[in-house]
């Protein structure tokens, strides 16, 4: 865990290391996408937050943890938002992002 890392820089480092990922700005925030499917959204207003997609069946488990809340506008699709409060457990953040990245890949395969 670390207090010193810049949250956005660390999220970029994690996400952009994976194949076929990119960062785009949408609605004034950095969105991380696998091909055209979003899997992570970083916001800073009023505090640093990271939104990720989870399985709909698992959403309630995340929401039972006070660090998470249902992502506005996307929560009905299984998105949750993690408050990035210090100290940040970067191993956990990477694991959450990896799960969301894999869901984006699954969603793309279902479209074919």
C-alpha atoms as a PDB file:
ATOM      1  CA  UNK A   1       0.000   0.000   0.000  1.00  0.00           C
ATOM      2  CA  UNK A   2       1.185   3.485  -0.736  1.00  0.00           C
ATOM      3  CA  UNK A   3       0.109   7.029   0.000  1.00  0.00           C
ATOM      4  CA  UNK A   4       2.645   8.633  -2.301  1.00  0.00           C
ATOM      5  CA  UNK A   5       1.553   7.395  -5.714  1.00  0.00           C
ATOM      6  CA  UNK A   6      -0.519   9.612  -7.967  1.00  0.00           C
ATOM      7  CA  UNK A   7      -3.742   7.607  -8.407  1.00  0.00           C
ATOM      8  CA  UNK A   8      -4.251   8.427 -12.089  1.00  0.00           C
ATOM      9  CA  UNK A   9      -0.608   7.733 -12.958  1.00  0.00           C
ATOM     10  CA  UNK A  10      -0.759   4.372 -11.199  1.00  0.00           C
ATOM     11  CA  UNK A  11      -4.070   3.436 -12.860  1.00  0.00           C
ATOM     12  CA  UNK A  12      -2.564   4.351 -16.239  1.00  0.00           C
ATOM     13  CA  UNK A  13       0.483   2.200 -15.512  1.00  0.00           C
ATOM     14  CA  UNK A  14      -1.717  -0.769 -14.667  1.00  0.00           C
ATOM     15  CA  UNK A  15      -4.258  -0.445 -17.479  1.00  0.00           C
ATOM     16  CA  UNK A  16      -2.039   0.530 -20.373  1.00  0.00           C
ATOM     17  CA  UNK A  17       0.262  -2.443 -19.781  1.00  0.00           C
ATOM     18  CA  UNK A  18      -2.471  -4.829 -20.971  1.00  0.00           C
ATOM     19  CA  UNK A  19      -2.949  -5.715 -24.649  1.00  0.00           C
ATOM     20  CA  UNK A  20      -5.307  -3.625 -26.775  1.00  0.00           C
ATOM     21  CA  UNK A  21      -5.987  -1.027 -24.066  1.00  0.00           C
ATOM     22  CA  UNK A  22      -6.139   2.695 -24.486  1.00  0.00           C
ATOM     23  CA  UNK A  23      -7.102   5.790 -22.578  1.00  0.00           C
ATOM     24  CA  UNK A  24      -9.660   8.237 -23.935  1.00  0.00           C
ATOM     25  CA  UNK A  25     -11.327  11.258 -22.435  1.00  0.00           C
ATOM     26  CA  UNK A  26     -15.095  10.988 -22.201  1.00  0.00           C
ATOM     27  CA  UNK A  27     -17.402  13.294 -20.289  1.00  0.00           C
ATOM     28  CA  UNK A  28     -14.320  15.084 -18.946  1.00  0.00           C
ATOM     29  CA  UNK A  29     -12.749  11.995 -17.351  1.00  0.00           C
ATOM     30  CA  UNK A  30     -10.120   9.410 -18.316  1.00  0.00           C
ATOM     31  CA  UNK A  31     -11.757   6.173 -19.489  1.00  0.00           C
ATOM     32  CA  UNK A  32      -9.726   3.012 -19.976  1.00  0.00           C
ATOM     33  CA  UNK A  33     -10.919   0.719 -22.730  1.00  0.00           C
ATOM     34  CA  UNK A  34     -10.106  -2.669 -24.133  1.00  0.00           C
ATOM     35  CA  UNK A  35     -10.646  -2.117 -27.837  1.00  0.00           C
ATOM     36  CA  UNK A  36     -13.938  -0.158 -27.695  1.00  0.00           C
ATOM     37  CA  UNK A  37     -15.232  -1.581 -24.375  1.00  0.00           C
ATOM     38  CA  UNK A  38     -14.722   0.497 -21.210  1.00  0.00           C
ATOM     39  CA  UNK A  39     -13.384  -1.226 -18.114  1.00  0.00           C
ATOM     40  CA  UNK A  40     -12.190   1.634 -15.907  1.00  0.00           C
ATOM     41  CA  UNK A  41     -13.123   5.264 -15.316  1.00  0.00           C
ATOM     42  CA  UNK A  42     -11.146   7.655 -13.128  1.00  0.00           C
ATOM     43  CA  UNK A  43     -12.767  10.716 -11.546  1.00  0.00           C
ATOM     44  CA  UNK A  44     -11.446  13.299  -9.092  1.00  0.00           C
ATOM     45  CA  UNK A  45     -14.442  15.393  -8.146  1.00  0.00           C
ATOM     46  CA  UNK A  46     -14.837  15.691  -5.199  1.00  0.00           C
ATOM     47  CA  UNK A  47     -12.240  12.996  -4.425  1.00  0.00           C
ATOM     48  CA  UNK A  48     -10.342  10.350  -6.409  1.00  0.00           C
ATOM     49  CA  UNK A  49     -12.579   7.456  -7.448  1.00  0.00           C
ATOM     50  CA  UNK A  50     -12.254   4.473  -9.767  1.00  0.00           C
ATOM     51  CA  UNK A  51     -15.277   2.959 -11.492  1.00  0.00           C
ATOM     52  CA  UNK A  52     -15.170  -0.635 -12.703  1.00  0.00           C
ATOM     53  CA  UNK A  53     -17.590  -3.121 -14.172  1.00  0.00           C
ATOM     54  CA  UNK A  54     -18.469  -6.204 -12.137  1.00  0.00           C
ATOM     55  CA  UNK A  55     -20.838  -9.103 -12.728  1.00  0.00           C
ATOM     56  CA  UNK A  56     -24.411  -8.005 -11.929  1.00  0.00           C
ATOM     57  CA  UNK A  57     -24.701 -10.918  -9.505  1.00  0.00           C
ATOM     58  CA  UNK A  58     -21.660  -9.656  -7.595  1.00  0.00           C
ATOM     59  CA  UNK A  59     -22.598  -5.977  -7.485  1.00  0.00           C
ATOM     60  CA  UNK A  60     -24.394  -6.299  -4.114  1.00  0.00           C
ATOM     61  CA  UNK A  61     -21.291  -7.829  -2.548  1.00  0.00           C
ATOM     62  CA  UNK A  62     -19.245  -4.789  -3.553  1.00  0.00           C
ATOM     63  CA  UNK A  63     -21.956  -2.370  -2.428  1.00  0.00           C
ATOM     64  CA  UNK A  64     -21.972  -3.982   1.029  1.00  0.00           C
ATOM     65  CA  UNK A  65     -18.413  -2.615   1.423  1.00  0.00           C
ATOM     66  CA  UNK A  66     -18.588   1.065   2.426  1.00  0.00           C
ATOM     67  CA  UNK A  67     -15.658   1.911   0.137  1.00  0.00           C
ATOM     68  CA  UNK A  68     -17.884   1.248  -2.912  1.00  0.00           C
ATOM     69  CA  UNK A  69     -20.993   2.902  -4.287  1.00  0.00           C
ATOM     70  CA  UNK A  70     -23.141   2.311  -7.342  1.00  0.00           C
ATOM     71  CA  UNK A  71     -21.714   4.213 -10.301  1.00  0.00           C
ATOM     72  CA  UNK A  72     -24.065   6.989 -11.429  1.00  0.00           C
ATOM     73  CA  UNK A  73     -25.529   6.397 -14.923  1.00  0.00           C
ATOM     74  CA  UNK A  74     -23.779   3.001 -15.244  1.00  0.00           C
ATOM     75  CA  UNK A  75     -24.728   1.166 -12.062  1.00  0.00           C
ATOM     76  CA  UNK A  76     -27.688  -0.517 -13.750  1.00  0.00           C
ATOM     77  CA  UNK A  77     -25.135  -2.271 -15.984  1.00  0.00           C
ATOM     78  CA  UNK A  78     -23.058  -3.628 -13.119  1.00  0.00           C
ATOM     79  CA  UNK A  79     -20.653  -0.746 -12.516  1.00  0.00           C
ATOM     80  CA  UNK A  80     -19.403   0.118  -9.030  1.00  0.00           C
ATOM     81  CA  UNK A  81     -17.116   2.910  -7.889  1.00  0.00           C
ATOM     82  CA  UNK A  82     -14.292   2.539  -5.387  1.00  0.00           C
ATOM     83  CA  UNK A  83     -13.343   5.549  -3.287  1.00  0.00           C
ATOM     84  CA  UNK A  84      -9.558   5.796  -3.572  1.00  0.00           C
ATOM     85  CA  UNK A  85      -8.867   6.707   0.027  1.00  0.00           C
ATOM     86  CA  UNK A  86      -5.418   6.533   1.559  1.00  0.00           C
ATOM     87  CA  UNK A  87      -3.814   4.209   1.997  1.00  0.00           C
ATOM     88  CA  UNK A  88      -4.664   2.684  -1.376  1.00  0.00           C
ATOM     89  CA  UNK A  89      -4.150  -1.041  -1.750  1.00  0.00           C
ATOM     90  CA  UNK A  90      -2.734  -1.081  -5.279  1.00  0.00           C
ATOM     91  CA  UNK A  91      -2.752  -4.877  -5.475  1.00  0.00           C
ATOM     92  CA  UNK A  92      -6.504  -4.789  -4.856  1.00  0.00           C
ATOM     93  CA  UNK A  93      -6.976  -2.004  -7.420  1.00  0.00           C
ATOM     94  CA  UNK A  94      -5.040  -3.988 -10.012  1.00  0.00           C
ATOM     95  CA  UNK A  95      -7.112  -7.100  -9.278  1.00  0.00           C
ATOM     96  CA  UNK A  96     -10.368  -5.121  -9.623  1.00  0.00           C
ATOM     97  CA  UNK A  97      -9.230  -3.560 -12.888  1.00  0.00           C
ATOM     98  CA  UNK A  98      -8.122  -6.958 -14.207  1.00  0.00           C
ATOM     99  CA  UNK A  99     -11.579  -8.384 -13.490  1.00  0.00           C
ATOM    100  CA  UNK A 100     -13.258  -5.488 -15.268  1.00  0.00           C
ATOM    101  CA  UNK A 101     -10.843  -5.803 -18.218  1.00  0.00           C
ATOM    102  CA  UNK A 102     -11.741  -9.495 -18.514  1.00  0.00           C
ATOM    103  CA  UNK A 103     -15.473  -8.658 -18.426  1.00  0.00           C
ATOM    104  CA  UNK A 104     -14.933  -6.223 -21.302  1.00  0.00           C
ATOM    105  CA  UNK A 105     -13.309  -9.026 -23.289  1.00  0.00           C
ATOM    106  CA  UNK A 106     -16.191 -11.405 -22.506  1.00  0.00           C
ATOM    107  CA  UNK A 107     -18.744  -8.795 -23.555  1.00  0.00           C
ATOM    108  CA  UNK A 108     -17.015  -8.353 -26.905  1.00  0.00           C
ATOM    109  CA  UNK A 109     -17.000 -12.114 -27.531  1.00  0.00           C
ATOM    110  CA  UNK A 110     -20.753 -12.267 -26.804  1.00  0.00           C
ATOM    111  CA  UNK A 111     -21.360  -9.651 -29.515  1.00  0.00           C
ATOM    112  CA  UNK A 112     -19.827 -11.824 -32.222  1.00  0.00           C
END
